[in-house]
Amino acid sequence: MDETYIRGKQVEGIIGGPPCIGFSTVGNRNPDDPRNMLVFFFIKWVEYFKPSFFVMENVKGILTMGKGQVVETIKKMYNDIGYKCKLLVLLAAEYGVPQLRERIFFIGTKNNSVQNLKIKKTHQEKTKQKTQQKVGSLPAYLKVKDVFSDIIDITPLNKTNPKNLVNDYTGPPETKYQEYLRKNSDKLNDHIAPKHSDKVIERILHIDQGKNHASLPKKYQIKGGYPNIYGRLDLNKPADTITGNCGCVSAPGRFIHPTQNRAISVREAARLQSFPDDYRFFGSMRNRYKQIGNAVPPLLAYAIAKAIKEIV
């Protein structure tokens, strides 16, 4: 990094998510993956710039790498360079994101103020009996239908490497979440999805909402590979974790549209991650999906930022 950009300036915070491929439980979990070392380079940047605080995000799988020794090593390294570190496991659905996404956050400060960090939840899992809910309790997790209902019948565009392709909204927002998504947008940008072969579409046709490859008749099943591929979203539940492969129906997860026989569009994936409709993505379709799936959901990031602001 060119020091002319930072010379004489105090770096208030360093926020990032070092690549987590080697720690993820979706994959080979290779402890020798060279990308695992980028976590430790992140710590070196904190040591060099000496910010007031840092936030380092990673996948939950890092907790069990090296039988827990990876996490302990990270915490010790932060302590050795003068930072108090707090480790949090956060579920995105509890912060207004319509997705059952769990991620690890290492949050640290130079002083002990990080121990007072409280990230306030905005939503909760709905209890089975209404009588168990207290007056003034938090609203239930958002569901896929809370995200898609205003655009559920709009057919996405699917040209290769599309540019400036937009759809018109066909009706007003139907939920508060959709009002948030559409606040600064009068067009539906990036509502683009890949084309599928006839064979893939035929397979998708036999998958009901909330089901996946395991529910297919033997005629359509694929031998080998991950068992949780070809997953279809359920309108009445939050989405599962949106990943960088969310444009691929044969990737582990639930990336098939709940009512249309296709992968979710770039915009639908972005909505499930809580990106507003005016936020644009660029590059190939594959790169757009990756930008979305690899991101920390904005509403979760906002909740963390609010909490840090109160202690720094």
Protein backbone atom coordinates (compact mmCIF):
# COMPACT_ATOMS: atom_id res chain seq x y z
CA MET A 1 0.00 0.00 0.00
CA ASP A 2 1.27 3.47 -0.91
CA GLU A 3 1.83 5.32 2.37
CA THR A 4 1.01 8.67 0.70
CA TYR A 5 -2.65 7.82 1.25
CA ILE A 6 -2.31 7.40 5.00
CA ARG A 7 0.76 9.41 6.02
CA GLY A 8 -0.05 11.59 9.03
CA LYS A 9 -3.53 10.13 9.42
CA GLN A 10 -4.96 8.01 12.20
CA VAL A 11 -6.66 4.85 10.95
CA GLU A 12 -9.80 4.60 13.04
CA GLY A 13 -10.78 1.06 12.12
CA ILE A 14 -9.84 -1.91 9.95
CA ILE A 15 -12.72 -4.05 8.74
CA GLY A 16 -12.43 -7.10 6.53
CA GLY A 17 -13.05 -10.76 5.86
CA PRO A 18 -9.91 -12.68 4.90
CA PRO A 19 -10.76 -15.48 2.44
CA CYS A 20 -12.16 -18.46 4.30
CA ILE A 21 -12.07 -21.25 1.69
CA GLY A 22 -9.86 -23.50 3.80
CA PHE A 23 -12.05 -23.10 6.89
CA SER A 24 -15.45 -23.60 5.25
CA THR A 25 -17.37 -26.81 5.94
CA VAL A 26 -18.61 -26.60 2.33
CA GLY A 27 -15.50 -27.87 0.56
CA ASN A 28 -12.35 -29.82 1.28
CA ARG A 29 -11.41 -27.98 4.51
CA ASN A 30 -7.74 -28.12 3.67
CA PRO A 31 -5.71 -26.93 6.69
CA ASP A 32 -2.74 -26.31 4.37
CA ASP A 33 -4.67 -24.05 1.98
CA PRO A 34 -2.34 -21.03 1.54
CA ARG A 35 -5.35 -18.70 1.69
CA ASN A 36 -5.76 -19.61 5.36
CA MET A 37 -2.64 -17.54 6.04
CA LEU A 38 -4.41 -14.35 4.94
CA VAL A 39 -6.08 -14.27 8.35
CA PHE A 40 -2.65 -13.75 9.89
CA PHE A 41 -1.71 -11.12 7.33
CA PHE A 42 -4.87 -9.26 8.40
CA ILE A 43 -3.52 -9.25 11.96
CA LYS A 44 -0.24 -7.83 10.67
CA TRP A 45 -2.14 -4.92 9.09
CA VAL A 46 -3.80 -4.24 12.45
CA GLU A 47 -0.39 -4.26 14.13
CA TYR A 48 1.02 -1.87 11.49
CA PHE A 49 -1.79 0.71 11.43
CA LYS A 50 -2.79 0.45 15.11
CA PRO A 51 -6.46 1.34 14.57
CA SER A 52 -8.85 2.11 17.43
CA PHE A 53 -10.82 -1.01 16.55
CA PHE A 54 -10.94 -3.90 14.08
CA VAL A 55 -13.60 -6.29 12.79
CA MET A 56 -12.52 -9.56 11.18
CA GLU A 57 -15.22 -11.83 9.73
CA ASN A 58 -14.95 -15.52 8.87
CA VAL A 59 -16.98 -18.70 8.51
CA LYS A 60 -18.13 -20.71 11.51
CA GLY A 61 -15.95 -23.63 10.39
CA ILE A 62 -12.88 -21.81 11.69
CA LEU A 63 -14.01 -22.71 15.22
CA THR A 64 -13.18 -26.38 14.74
CA MET A 65 -10.03 -26.07 12.62
CA GLY A 66 -7.03 -27.56 14.42
CA LYS A 67 -9.37 -28.69 17.22
CA GLY A 68 -9.94 -25.07 18.20
CA GLN A 69 -6.29 -24.10 18.15
CA VAL A 70 -6.65 -21.78 15.13
CA VAL A 71 -9.06 -19.52 17.03
CA GLU A 72 -6.92 -19.56 20.17
CA THR A 73 -3.85 -18.62 18.12
CA ILE A 74 -5.70 -15.70 16.52
CA LYS A 75 -6.89 -14.37 19.89
CA LYS A 76 -3.38 -14.67 21.33
CA MET A 77 -1.84 -12.84 18.37
CA TYR A 78 -4.24 -9.94 18.85
CA ASN A 79 -3.48 -9.88 22.56
CA ASP A 80 0.26 -9.86 21.84
CA ILE A 81 -0.07 -6.70 19.72
CA GLY A 82 -2.08 -4.90 22.40
CA TYR A 83 -5.72 -5.59 21.53
CA LYS A 84 -8.56 -7.03 23.57
CA CYS A 85 -10.53 -9.36 21.31
CA LYS A 86 -14.11 -10.58 21.50
CA LEU A 87 -15.35 -13.54 19.47
CA LEU A 88 -19.01 -13.52 18.41
CA VAL A 89 -21.13 -15.98 16.44
CA LEU A 90 -23.89 -13.95 14.80
CA LEU A 91 -27.00 -15.20 12.99
CA ALA A 92 -28.01 -12.78 10.23
CA ALA A 93 -31.74 -13.51 10.65
CA GLU A 94 -31.61 -11.92 14.12
CA TYR A 95 -30.59 -8.59 12.57
CA GLY A 96 -33.26 -8.22 9.88
CA VAL A 97 -31.61 -10.29 7.14
CA PRO A 98 -33.99 -12.94 5.69
CA GLN A 99 -31.35 -15.64 5.86
CA LEU A 100 -30.15 -18.32 8.30
CA ARG A 101 -26.53 -17.26 7.85
CA GLU A 102 -24.08 -17.74 10.73
CA ARG A 103 -20.68 -16.08 10.69
CA ILE A 104 -17.81 -15.54 13.12
CA PHE A 105 -16.66 -12.03 14.03
CA PHE A 106 -13.44 -11.18 15.82
CA ILE A 107 -13.94 -7.65 17.18
CA GLY A 108 -11.21 -5.86 19.10
CA THR A 109 -10.20 -2.56 20.68
CA LYS A 110 -7.01 -1.20 22.19
CA ASN A 111 -8.65 -0.91 25.57
CA ASN A 112 -11.09 -3.16 27.40
CA SER A 113 -14.17 -1.40 25.99
CA VAL A 114 -14.87 -4.30 23.65
CA GLN A 115 -16.12 -6.25 26.65
CA ASN A 116 -19.06 -3.82 26.78
CA LEU A 117 -19.97 -4.45 23.15
CA LYS A 118 -23.63 -5.37 22.73
CA ILE A 119 -25.05 -5.95 19.26
CA LYS A 120 -28.80 -5.47 19.60
CA LYS A 121 -31.02 -8.00 17.88
CA THR A 122 -33.97 -6.77 15.81
CA HIS A 123 -35.72 -10.10 15.11
CA GLN A 124 -36.25 -13.44 16.80
CA GLU A 125 -37.26 -16.96 15.88
CA LYS A 126 -41.02 -17.24 16.12
CA THR A 127 -42.18 -19.37 19.05
CA LYS A 128 -44.63 -22.19 18.37
CA GLN A 129 -47.13 -20.90 20.90
CA LYS A 130 -48.18 -17.26 20.70
CA THR A 131 -48.78 -17.25 24.45
CA GLN A 132 -45.03 -17.60 24.97
CA GLN A 133 -44.33 -14.28 23.27
CA LYS A 134 -44.06 -11.33 25.61
CA VAL A 135 -45.63 -7.95 24.96
CA GLY A 136 -43.18 -5.80 23.01
CA SER A 137 -41.13 -8.80 21.86
CA LEU A 138 -39.11 -8.67 18.66
CA PRO A 139 -40.74 -9.53 15.31
CA ALA A 140 -40.19 -12.95 13.75
CA TYR A 141 -37.43 -13.72 11.26
CA LEU A 142 -38.19 -12.46 7.78
CA LYS A 143 -39.24 -15.08 5.24
CA VAL A 144 -38.48 -15.46 1.54
CA LYS A 145 -41.98 -14.23 0.64
CA ASP A 146 -41.28 -11.01 2.58
CA VAL A 147 -38.42 -10.47 0.12
CA PHE A 148 -39.85 -11.70 -3.19
CA SER A 149 -43.61 -11.12 -3.15
CA ASP A 150 -43.50 -7.80 -5.07
CA ILE A 151 -41.36 -9.28 -7.88
CA ILE A 152 -42.33 -12.97 -7.63
CA ASP A 153 -43.85 -13.11 -11.14
CA ILE A 154 -41.27 -11.01 -12.99
CA THR A 155 -39.27 -13.13 -15.43
CA PRO A 156 -35.56 -12.30 -15.19
CA LEU A 157 -33.33 -11.35 -18.09
CA ASN A 158 -30.63 -13.87 -18.98
CA LYS A 159 -28.30 -12.40 -21.59
CA THR A 160 -24.59 -13.16 -21.21
CA ASN A 161 -22.63 -10.30 -19.58
CA PRO A 162 -25.64 -7.97 -19.58
CA LYS A 163 -25.19 -4.20 -19.38
CA ASN A 164 -27.80 -1.67 -18.30
CA LEU A 165 -30.60 -4.23 -18.46
CA VAL A 166 -33.49 -3.33 -16.17
CA ASN A 167 -37.04 -4.46 -15.44
CA ASP A 168 -40.02 -2.35 -14.38
CA TYR A 169 -41.65 -3.03 -11.04
CA THR A 170 -45.13 -4.43 -11.60
CA GLY A 171 -46.61 -3.23 -8.33
CA PRO A 172 -45.87 -1.37 -5.08
CA PRO A 173 -43.85 -2.77 -2.15
CA GLU A 174 -45.86 -5.24 -0.08
CA THR A 175 -43.74 -5.39 3.09
CA LYS A 176 -41.63 -3.00 5.15
CA TYR A 177 -38.56 -4.90 4.04
CA GLN A 178 -39.46 -4.28 0.40
CA GLU A 179 -39.97 -0.59 1.18
CA TYR A 180 -36.41 -0.56 2.54
CA LEU A 181 -35.12 -2.34 -0.57
CA ARG A 182 -36.91 0.01 -3.00
CA LYS A 183 -36.44 3.30 -1.13
CA ASN A 184 -34.07 4.84 -3.71
CA SER A 185 -34.94 2.78 -6.78
CA ASP A 186 -37.61 3.16 -9.47
CA LYS A 187 -36.35 0.24 -11.59
CA LEU A 188 -35.38 -3.36 -10.90
CA ASN A 189 -31.68 -3.59 -11.75
CA ASP A 190 -29.66 -6.79 -12.15
CA HIS A 191 -32.71 -9.06 -12.29
CA ILE A 192 -30.73 -11.48 -14.44
CA ALA A 193 -30.41 -15.25 -14.12
CA PRO A 194 -28.56 -18.01 -15.99
CA LYS A 195 -30.12 -20.20 -18.66
CA HIS A 196 -30.50 -23.90 -17.86
CA SER A 197 -30.40 -26.93 -20.09
CA ASP A 198 -33.61 -28.90 -20.65
CA LYS A 199 -32.19 -31.70 -18.50
CA VAL A 200 -31.55 -29.36 -15.55
CA ILE A 201 -35.01 -27.80 -15.88
CA GLU A 202 -36.63 -31.23 -15.91
CA ARG A 203 -34.79 -32.08 -12.69
CA ILE A 204 -35.83 -28.78 -11.07
CA LEU A 205 -39.48 -29.44 -11.99
CA HIS A 206 -39.50 -32.40 -9.58
CA ILE A 207 -38.26 -30.44 -6.55
CA ASP A 208 -40.83 -28.89 -4.19
CA GLN A 209 -40.27 -25.84 -2.01
CA GLY A 210 -37.87 -26.57 0.84
CA LYS A 211 -36.68 -29.82 -0.79
CA ASN A 212 -33.45 -30.69 -2.59
CA HIS A 213 -31.69 -33.35 -4.65
CA ALA A 214 -32.35 -36.00 -2.00
CA SER A 215 -36.10 -35.81 -2.70
CA LEU A 216 -35.78 -36.52 -6.43
CA PRO A 217 -36.94 -39.78 -8.02
CA LYS A 218 -33.97 -42.05 -8.72
CA LYS A 219 -34.31 -41.32 -12.43
CA TYR A 220 -33.20 -37.72 -11.86
CA GLN A 221 -30.64 -38.15 -9.10
CA ILE A 222 -26.94 -37.52 -9.68
CA LYS A 223 -24.49 -40.10 -8.37
CA GLY A 224 -21.83 -38.78 -6.00
CA GLY A 225 -21.24 -35.17 -5.02
CA TYR A 226 -22.88 -33.22 -2.23
CA PRO A 227 -26.30 -34.46 -1.02
CA ASN A 228 -27.76 -30.96 -0.48
CA ILE A 229 -27.57 -29.69 -4.05
CA TYR A 230 -30.56 -28.58 -6.14
CA GLY A 231 -32.20 -26.97 -3.13
CA ARG A 232 -35.37 -24.92 -3.65
CA LEU A 233 -36.22 -21.96 -1.44
CA ASP A 234 -39.36 -22.09 0.72
CA LEU A 235 -41.52 -18.95 0.63
CA ASN A 236 -42.58 -19.47 4.24
CA LYS A 237 -39.09 -19.75 5.72
CA PRO A 238 -35.92 -17.66 5.79
CA ALA A 239 -33.38 -18.53 3.11
CA ASP A 240 -30.43 -20.75 3.90
CA THR A 241 -26.96 -19.22 3.60
CA ILE A 242 -26.40 -17.38 0.34
CA THR A 243 -22.90 -18.22 -0.95
CA GLY A 244 -20.69 -17.10 -3.80
CA ASN A 245 -22.11 -19.98 -5.86
CA CYS A 246 -25.73 -18.90 -5.42
CA GLY A 247 -26.28 -18.66 -9.17
CA CYS A 248 -25.67 -22.38 -9.59
CA VAL A 249 -28.53 -24.79 -8.82
CA SER A 250 -26.11 -27.73 -8.47
CA ALA A 251 -24.06 -26.01 -5.74
CA PRO A 252 -24.63 -26.96 -2.08
CA GLY A 253 -27.43 -24.82 -0.66
CA ARG A 254 -30.90 -23.62 -1.67
CA PHE A 255 -30.61 -21.42 -4.75
CA ILE A 256 -33.63 -22.46 -6.84
CA HIS A 257 -36.43 -19.89 -7.06
CA PRO A 258 -39.43 -20.90 -4.91
CA THR A 259 -41.99 -20.82 -7.78
CA GLN A 260 -40.05 -20.46 -11.04
CA ASN A 261 -37.87 -23.28 -12.37
CA ARG A 262 -34.50 -21.54 -12.37
CA ALA A 263 -31.71 -20.30 -10.15
CA ILE A 264 -32.39 -17.10 -8.24
CA SER A 265 -31.41 -13.97 -10.11
CA VAL A 266 -28.56 -11.66 -9.18
CA ARG A 267 -31.08 -9.18 -7.74
CA GLU A 268 -32.96 -11.83 -5.80
CA ALA A 269 -29.70 -13.02 -4.24
CA ALA A 270 -28.84 -9.41 -3.38
CA ARG A 271 -32.24 -8.92 -1.73
CA LEU A 272 -31.74 -12.04 0.38
CA GLN A 273 -28.42 -10.52 1.50
CA SER A 274 -30.23 -7.20 2.33
CA PHE A 275 -28.62 -5.12 -0.44
CA PRO A 276 -31.05 -2.33 -1.51
CA ASP A 277 -32.30 -2.44 -5.10
CA ASP A 278 -30.24 0.62 -6.09
CA TYR A 279 -26.97 -1.15 -5.22
CA ARG A 280 -25.33 -2.31 -8.44
CA PHE A 281 -22.98 -5.20 -9.21
CA PHE A 282 -20.55 -5.43 -12.12
CA GLY A 283 -18.54 -7.95 -14.11
CA SER A 284 -19.67 -11.33 -15.40
CA MET A 285 -22.76 -12.93 -13.88
CA ARG A 286 -20.51 -15.35 -12.01
CA ASN A 287 -18.58 -12.45 -10.52
CA ARG A 288 -21.78 -10.64 -9.54
CA TYR A 289 -23.08 -13.68 -7.67
CA LYS A 290 -19.70 -14.03 -5.95
CA GLN A 291 -19.67 -10.37 -4.88
CA ILE A 292 -23.07 -10.87 -3.27
CA GLY A 293 -22.52 -14.24 -1.61
CA ASN A 294 -19.10 -13.38 -0.19
CA ALA A 295 -20.32 -10.13 1.39
CA VAL A 296 -21.37 -9.50 4.96
CA PRO A 297 -25.10 -8.66 4.72
CA PRO A 298 -25.44 -4.84 4.97
CA LEU A 299 -28.09 -4.95 7.72
CA LEU A 300 -25.87 -7.20 9.84
CA ALA A 301 -22.89 -4.93 9.16
CA TYR A 302 -25.01 -1.94 10.20
CA ALA A 303 -25.93 -3.58 13.52
CA ILE A 304 -22.25 -4.27 14.25
CA ALA A 305 -21.22 -0.73 13.28
CA LYS A 306 -23.86 0.80 15.59
CA ALA A 307 -22.60 -1.28 18.49
CA ILE A 308 -18.96 -0.35 17.86
CA LYS A 309 -19.83 3.34 17.62
CA GLU A 310 -21.22 3.19 21.15
CA ILE A 311 -17.98 1.89 22.66
CA VAL A 312 -15.26 3.63 20.62
